[in-house]
N, C-alpha and C. Protein backbone atom coordinates (compact mmCIF):
# COMPACT_ATOMS: atom_id res chain seq x y z
N MET A 1 4.88 -3.95 1.02
CA MET A 1 5.07 -3.75 2.43
C MET A 1 3.97 -4.46 3.20
N TYR A 2 4.32 -4.87 4.41
CA TYR A 2 3.40 -5.59 5.27
C TYR A 2 3.45 -5.04 6.68
N ALA A 3 2.31 -5.03 7.35
CA ALA A 3 2.21 -4.64 8.75
C ALA A 3 1.97 -5.91 9.56
N PHE A 4 2.91 -6.21 10.44
CA PHE A 4 2.81 -7.38 11.31
C PHE A 4 2.59 -6.92 12.74
N TYR A 5 1.63 -7.54 13.42
CA TYR A 5 1.28 -7.13 14.78
C TYR A 5 1.48 -8.23 15.81
N GLY A 6 1.83 -9.43 15.37
CA GLY A 6 1.90 -10.55 16.31
C GLY A 6 3.20 -11.33 16.23
N SER A 7 3.08 -12.60 15.89
CA SER A 7 4.21 -13.52 15.95
C SER A 7 5.28 -13.23 14.90
N LEU A 8 5.01 -12.36 13.94
CA LEU A 8 6.02 -12.00 12.94
C LEU A 8 6.79 -10.73 13.32
N ARG A 9 6.43 -10.12 14.44
CA ARG A 9 7.18 -8.95 14.91
C ARG A 9 8.55 -9.39 15.42
N GLN A 10 9.47 -8.46 15.45
CA GLN A 10 10.83 -8.73 15.90
C GLN A 10 10.81 -9.31 17.32
N GLY A 11 11.58 -10.38 17.50
CA GLY A 11 11.68 -11.03 18.79
C GLY A 11 10.60 -12.05 19.07
N MET A 12 9.61 -12.16 18.19
CA MET A 12 8.53 -13.12 18.39
C MET A 12 8.82 -14.41 17.63
N ILE A 13 8.05 -15.45 17.93
CA ILE A 13 8.34 -16.82 17.50
C ILE A 13 8.46 -17.01 15.98
N ASN A 14 7.67 -16.34 15.19
CA ASN A 14 7.72 -16.54 13.73
C ASN A 14 8.61 -15.54 13.00
N HIS A 15 9.21 -14.62 13.70
CA HIS A 15 10.06 -13.64 13.02
C HIS A 15 11.37 -14.25 12.52
N GLU A 16 12.05 -14.96 13.37
CA GLU A 16 13.39 -15.47 13.04
C GLU A 16 13.40 -16.35 11.78
N PRO A 17 12.48 -17.30 11.63
CA PRO A 17 12.53 -18.14 10.42
C PRO A 17 12.40 -17.36 9.10
N PHE A 18 11.82 -16.17 9.16
CA PHE A 18 11.61 -15.37 7.95
C PHE A 18 12.50 -14.13 7.89
N SER A 19 13.30 -13.89 8.91
CA SER A 19 14.03 -12.62 9.03
C SER A 19 14.98 -12.35 7.87
N HIS A 20 15.49 -13.40 7.24
CA HIS A 20 16.42 -13.20 6.11
C HIS A 20 15.75 -12.52 4.92
N GLY A 21 14.43 -12.54 4.87
CA GLY A 21 13.71 -11.93 3.76
C GLY A 21 12.88 -10.73 4.15
N LEU A 22 13.14 -10.19 5.36
CA LEU A 22 12.37 -9.06 5.85
C LEU A 22 13.28 -7.88 6.16
N GLU A 23 12.87 -6.70 5.74
CA GLU A 23 13.59 -5.47 6.06
C GLU A 23 12.66 -4.60 6.90
N TYR A 24 13.03 -4.41 8.17
CA TYR A 24 12.23 -3.59 9.07
C TYR A 24 12.28 -2.13 8.61
N LEU A 25 11.10 -1.48 8.57
CA LEU A 25 11.02 -0.08 8.17
C LEU A 25 10.69 0.83 9.35
N PHE A 26 9.58 0.54 10.07
CA PHE A 26 9.20 1.38 11.21
C PHE A 26 8.08 0.71 11.98
N THR A 27 7.82 1.24 13.18
CA THR A 27 6.72 0.80 14.02
C THR A 27 5.66 1.89 14.01
N GLU A 28 4.40 1.48 13.98
CA GLU A 28 3.30 2.44 13.90
C GLU A 28 2.13 1.95 14.75
N THR A 29 1.34 2.88 15.23
CA THR A 29 0.08 2.56 15.91
C THR A 29 -1.04 2.76 14.90
N LEU A 30 -1.83 1.74 14.72
CA LEU A 30 -2.88 1.73 13.70
C LEU A 30 -4.26 1.80 14.36
N PRO A 31 -4.97 2.92 14.19
CA PRO A 31 -6.29 3.05 14.82
C PRO A 31 -7.37 2.31 14.04
N GLY A 32 -8.44 1.96 14.77
CA GLY A 32 -9.58 1.32 14.13
C GLY A 32 -9.49 -0.19 14.07
N PHE A 33 -8.62 -0.78 14.90
CA PHE A 33 -8.45 -2.23 14.95
C PHE A 33 -8.38 -2.66 16.41
N ARG A 34 -8.80 -3.89 16.69
CA ARG A 34 -8.70 -4.45 18.03
C ARG A 34 -7.93 -5.77 17.95
N LEU A 35 -7.04 -5.96 18.91
CA LEU A 35 -6.22 -7.16 18.99
C LEU A 35 -6.82 -8.12 20.01
N HIS A 36 -6.85 -9.40 19.65
CA HIS A 36 -7.36 -10.45 20.54
C HIS A 36 -6.28 -11.50 20.74
N ALA A 37 -6.26 -12.12 21.92
CA ALA A 37 -5.25 -13.11 22.26
C ALA A 37 -5.80 -14.52 22.18
N MET A 38 -5.24 -15.31 21.27
CA MET A 38 -5.45 -16.75 21.33
C MET A 38 -4.37 -17.25 22.28
N ARG A 39 -4.06 -18.51 22.29
CA ARG A 39 -3.06 -19.00 23.25
C ARG A 39 -1.69 -18.38 23.04
N ARG A 40 -1.06 -18.65 21.91
CA ARG A 40 0.28 -18.13 21.65
C ARG A 40 0.31 -17.11 20.53
N TYR A 41 -0.84 -16.85 19.94
CA TYR A 41 -0.88 -15.96 18.79
C TYR A 41 -2.05 -14.99 18.92
N PRO A 42 -1.90 -13.80 18.36
CA PRO A 42 -3.01 -12.86 18.36
C PRO A 42 -3.71 -12.84 17.00
N TYR A 43 -4.83 -12.20 16.98
CA TYR A 43 -5.45 -11.84 15.72
C TYR A 43 -6.07 -10.46 15.89
N ALA A 44 -6.17 -9.73 14.79
CA ALA A 44 -6.75 -8.40 14.81
C ALA A 44 -8.00 -8.39 13.94
N VAL A 45 -8.95 -7.55 14.34
CA VAL A 45 -10.16 -7.32 13.56
C VAL A 45 -10.32 -5.82 13.36
N LYS A 46 -10.87 -5.47 12.23
CA LYS A 46 -11.14 -4.06 11.94
C LYS A 46 -12.40 -3.65 12.68
N THR A 47 -12.33 -2.52 13.40
CA THR A 47 -13.49 -2.04 14.16
C THR A 47 -13.96 -0.66 13.71
N ASN A 48 -13.07 0.09 13.06
CA ASN A 48 -13.35 1.47 12.67
C ASN A 48 -13.58 2.40 13.87
N VAL A 49 -13.21 1.95 15.06
CA VAL A 49 -13.31 2.77 16.27
C VAL A 49 -11.93 3.39 16.50
N PRO A 50 -11.80 4.71 16.33
CA PRO A 50 -10.49 5.36 16.42
C PRO A 50 -9.74 5.11 17.72
N GLY A 51 -10.45 4.94 18.83
CA GLY A 51 -9.80 4.71 20.11
C GLY A 51 -9.25 3.31 20.29
N GLU A 52 -9.62 2.39 19.43
CA GLU A 52 -9.06 1.03 19.47
C GLU A 52 -7.88 0.98 18.51
N VAL A 53 -6.72 0.52 19.01
CA VAL A 53 -5.51 0.55 18.20
C VAL A 53 -4.74 -0.76 18.32
N ILE A 54 -3.93 -1.01 17.30
CA ILE A 54 -2.95 -2.09 17.36
C ILE A 54 -1.59 -1.50 17.00
N VAL A 55 -0.55 -2.09 17.56
CA VAL A 55 0.82 -1.70 17.25
C VAL A 55 1.33 -2.65 16.18
N VAL A 56 1.83 -2.09 15.08
CA VAL A 56 2.35 -2.90 13.98
C VAL A 56 3.80 -2.52 13.70
N GLU A 57 4.54 -3.49 13.21
CA GLU A 57 5.85 -3.22 12.65
C GLU A 57 5.70 -3.39 11.15
N VAL A 58 6.18 -2.43 10.39
CA VAL A 58 6.05 -2.45 8.94
C VAL A 58 7.38 -2.93 8.34
N PHE A 59 7.26 -3.90 7.46
CA PHE A 59 8.41 -4.52 6.82
C PHE A 59 8.27 -4.49 5.31
N ARG A 60 9.39 -4.41 4.64
CA ARG A 60 9.47 -4.67 3.21
C ARG A 60 9.93 -6.13 3.10
N VAL A 61 9.25 -6.91 2.30
CA VAL A 61 9.66 -8.30 2.08
C VAL A 61 10.60 -8.30 0.88
N THR A 62 11.83 -8.78 1.11
CA THR A 62 12.86 -8.73 0.07
C THR A 62 13.07 -10.05 -0.65
N ASP A 63 12.37 -11.09 -0.23
CA ASP A 63 12.52 -12.41 -0.83
C ASP A 63 11.13 -12.95 -1.17
N PRO A 64 10.83 -13.15 -2.46
CA PRO A 64 9.50 -13.63 -2.85
C PRO A 64 9.10 -14.96 -2.21
N SER A 65 10.07 -15.83 -1.92
CA SER A 65 9.72 -17.10 -1.29
C SER A 65 9.27 -16.88 0.16
N VAL A 66 9.83 -15.89 0.83
CA VAL A 66 9.40 -15.54 2.19
C VAL A 66 7.99 -14.97 2.14
N GLU A 67 7.72 -14.12 1.15
CA GLU A 67 6.39 -13.55 1.00
C GLU A 67 5.34 -14.65 0.81
N ARG A 68 5.64 -15.62 -0.05
CA ARG A 68 4.71 -16.74 -0.29
C ARG A 68 4.54 -17.58 0.98
N ALA A 69 5.64 -17.85 1.68
CA ALA A 69 5.57 -18.68 2.88
C ALA A 69 4.75 -18.01 3.97
N ILE A 70 4.94 -16.71 4.17
CA ILE A 70 4.15 -15.98 5.16
C ILE A 70 2.68 -16.00 4.77
N HIS A 71 2.40 -15.75 3.50
CA HIS A 71 1.01 -15.76 3.03
C HIS A 71 0.37 -17.13 3.28
N ASP A 72 1.05 -18.19 2.91
CA ASP A 72 0.52 -19.54 3.11
C ASP A 72 0.30 -19.84 4.59
N LEU A 73 1.24 -19.41 5.43
CA LEU A 73 1.11 -19.61 6.87
C LEU A 73 -0.14 -18.91 7.40
N GLU A 74 -0.29 -17.64 7.08
CA GLU A 74 -1.40 -16.85 7.61
C GLU A 74 -2.76 -17.34 7.09
N ILE A 75 -2.86 -17.56 5.81
CA ILE A 75 -4.12 -18.02 5.22
C ILE A 75 -4.46 -19.41 5.75
N GLY A 76 -3.44 -20.23 5.93
CA GLY A 76 -3.64 -21.61 6.39
C GLY A 76 -4.23 -21.72 7.79
N VAL A 77 -4.06 -20.69 8.62
CA VAL A 77 -4.61 -20.75 9.97
C VAL A 77 -5.82 -19.83 10.16
N GLY A 78 -6.36 -19.30 9.06
CA GLY A 78 -7.64 -18.60 9.14
C GLY A 78 -7.63 -17.10 8.96
N TYR A 79 -6.46 -16.49 8.76
CA TYR A 79 -6.41 -15.05 8.53
C TYR A 79 -6.82 -14.76 7.09
N THR A 80 -7.28 -13.55 6.84
CA THR A 80 -7.55 -13.10 5.48
C THR A 80 -6.61 -11.93 5.19
N TYR A 81 -6.23 -11.81 3.93
CA TYR A 81 -5.35 -10.73 3.52
C TYR A 81 -6.17 -9.48 3.25
N SER A 82 -5.69 -8.35 3.74
CA SER A 82 -6.33 -7.07 3.50
C SER A 82 -5.23 -6.04 3.27
N GLU A 83 -5.61 -4.84 2.93
CA GLU A 83 -4.64 -3.76 2.78
C GLU A 83 -5.14 -2.54 3.56
N VAL A 84 -4.18 -1.83 4.15
CA VAL A 84 -4.46 -0.59 4.87
C VAL A 84 -3.48 0.46 4.37
N GLU A 85 -3.82 1.71 4.64
CA GLU A 85 -2.90 2.79 4.28
C GLU A 85 -2.16 3.21 5.55
N ILE A 86 -0.84 3.15 5.49
CA ILE A 86 0.01 3.57 6.60
C ILE A 86 1.03 4.55 6.04
N ARG A 87 1.03 5.75 6.60
CA ARG A 87 1.93 6.81 6.15
C ARG A 87 1.84 7.02 4.63
N GLY A 88 0.63 6.93 4.11
CA GLY A 88 0.39 7.16 2.70
C GLY A 88 0.75 6.01 1.78
N MET A 89 1.08 4.85 2.37
CA MET A 89 1.49 3.69 1.57
C MET A 89 0.52 2.53 1.78
N ARG A 90 0.14 1.88 0.68
CA ARG A 90 -0.69 0.68 0.76
C ARG A 90 0.16 -0.43 1.37
N THR A 91 -0.38 -1.03 2.44
CA THR A 91 0.37 -2.00 3.22
C THR A 91 -0.49 -3.23 3.46
N GLY A 92 0.06 -4.41 3.23
CA GLY A 92 -0.66 -5.65 3.47
C GLY A 92 -0.75 -5.95 4.96
N ILE A 93 -1.86 -6.57 5.34
CA ILE A 93 -2.06 -6.97 6.74
C ILE A 93 -2.97 -8.19 6.74
N TYR A 94 -2.74 -9.08 7.69
CA TYR A 94 -3.57 -10.28 7.82
C TYR A 94 -4.47 -10.13 9.03
N LEU A 95 -5.77 -10.27 8.80
CA LEU A 95 -6.79 -10.02 9.82
C LEU A 95 -7.74 -11.20 9.93
N PHE A 96 -8.54 -11.22 10.98
CA PHE A 96 -9.70 -12.11 11.08
C PHE A 96 -10.91 -11.29 10.67
N GLU A 97 -11.90 -11.95 10.12
CA GLU A 97 -13.12 -11.27 9.69
C GLU A 97 -13.93 -10.77 10.88
N SER A 98 -13.95 -11.55 11.97
CA SER A 98 -14.70 -11.16 13.16
C SER A 98 -14.00 -11.78 14.37
N HIS A 99 -14.38 -11.30 15.55
CA HIS A 99 -13.74 -11.82 16.75
C HIS A 99 -14.61 -12.87 17.42
N GLY A 100 -13.95 -13.71 18.19
CA GLY A 100 -14.64 -14.73 18.95
C GLY A 100 -14.60 -14.38 20.43
N PRO A 101 -14.61 -15.40 21.30
CA PRO A 101 -14.65 -15.14 22.74
C PRO A 101 -13.29 -14.80 23.36
N GLU A 102 -12.24 -14.81 22.56
CA GLU A 102 -10.90 -14.57 23.10
C GLU A 102 -10.80 -13.15 23.66
N PRO A 103 -10.02 -12.98 24.73
CA PRO A 103 -9.91 -11.64 25.33
C PRO A 103 -9.18 -10.67 24.41
N SER A 104 -9.53 -9.40 24.54
CA SER A 104 -8.83 -8.38 23.77
C SER A 104 -7.54 -8.02 24.50
N VAL A 105 -6.57 -7.51 23.74
CA VAL A 105 -5.28 -7.12 24.28
C VAL A 105 -5.30 -5.61 24.49
N LYS A 106 -5.33 -5.19 25.73
CA LYS A 106 -5.39 -3.77 26.06
C LYS A 106 -4.16 -3.06 25.49
N GLY A 107 -4.39 -1.96 24.77
CA GLY A 107 -3.31 -1.20 24.16
C GLY A 107 -2.87 -1.74 22.81
N GLY A 108 -3.30 -2.96 22.44
CA GLY A 108 -3.03 -3.51 21.12
C GLY A 108 -1.59 -3.85 20.81
N ASP A 109 -0.74 -4.03 21.84
CA ASP A 109 0.68 -4.32 21.60
C ASP A 109 0.98 -5.75 22.04
N TRP A 110 1.10 -6.65 21.07
CA TRP A 110 1.31 -8.07 21.36
C TRP A 110 2.65 -8.32 22.04
N VAL A 111 3.69 -7.62 21.66
CA VAL A 111 5.01 -7.83 22.25
C VAL A 111 4.97 -7.50 23.75
N LYS A 112 4.37 -6.39 24.11
CA LYS A 112 4.24 -6.03 25.53
C LYS A 112 3.35 -7.03 26.26
N PHE A 113 2.22 -7.39 25.67
CA PHE A 113 1.29 -8.32 26.29
C PHE A 113 1.94 -9.67 26.48
N PHE A 114 2.57 -10.19 25.45
CA PHE A 114 3.17 -11.53 25.49
C PHE A 114 4.32 -11.55 26.49
N GLY A 115 5.10 -10.47 26.52
CA GLY A 115 6.23 -10.40 27.43
C GLY A 115 5.83 -10.28 28.89
N SER A 116 4.61 -9.80 29.14
CA SER A 116 4.17 -9.62 30.52
C SER A 116 3.46 -10.83 31.07
N ARG A 117 3.28 -11.85 30.27
CA ARG A 117 2.56 -13.05 30.72
C ARG A 117 3.45 -14.01 31.43
């Protein structure tokens, strides 16, 4: 399972090319993370601050080639793979190690933020 918070969420730019290999499970708010906005894509960093949250959609990847392609895409642009526990399940997530000067996304919901721009 994977938690996607940005361009791989439903309705976002990278979801459609991979949708044939993704099974949506649920949406969750994940505490202890902060979302930052690059131009067209976000990145999240772990903060361990309970009041900072990101909104994630959790998917089961049903096609190994989609899993590899997503991994290559994320790693190729600077994300690192990590795992978090969501609803008692180990879930993959792609994060940045630290944040830069990019603004944070209030409320941690990329779909709402991107749609309001």
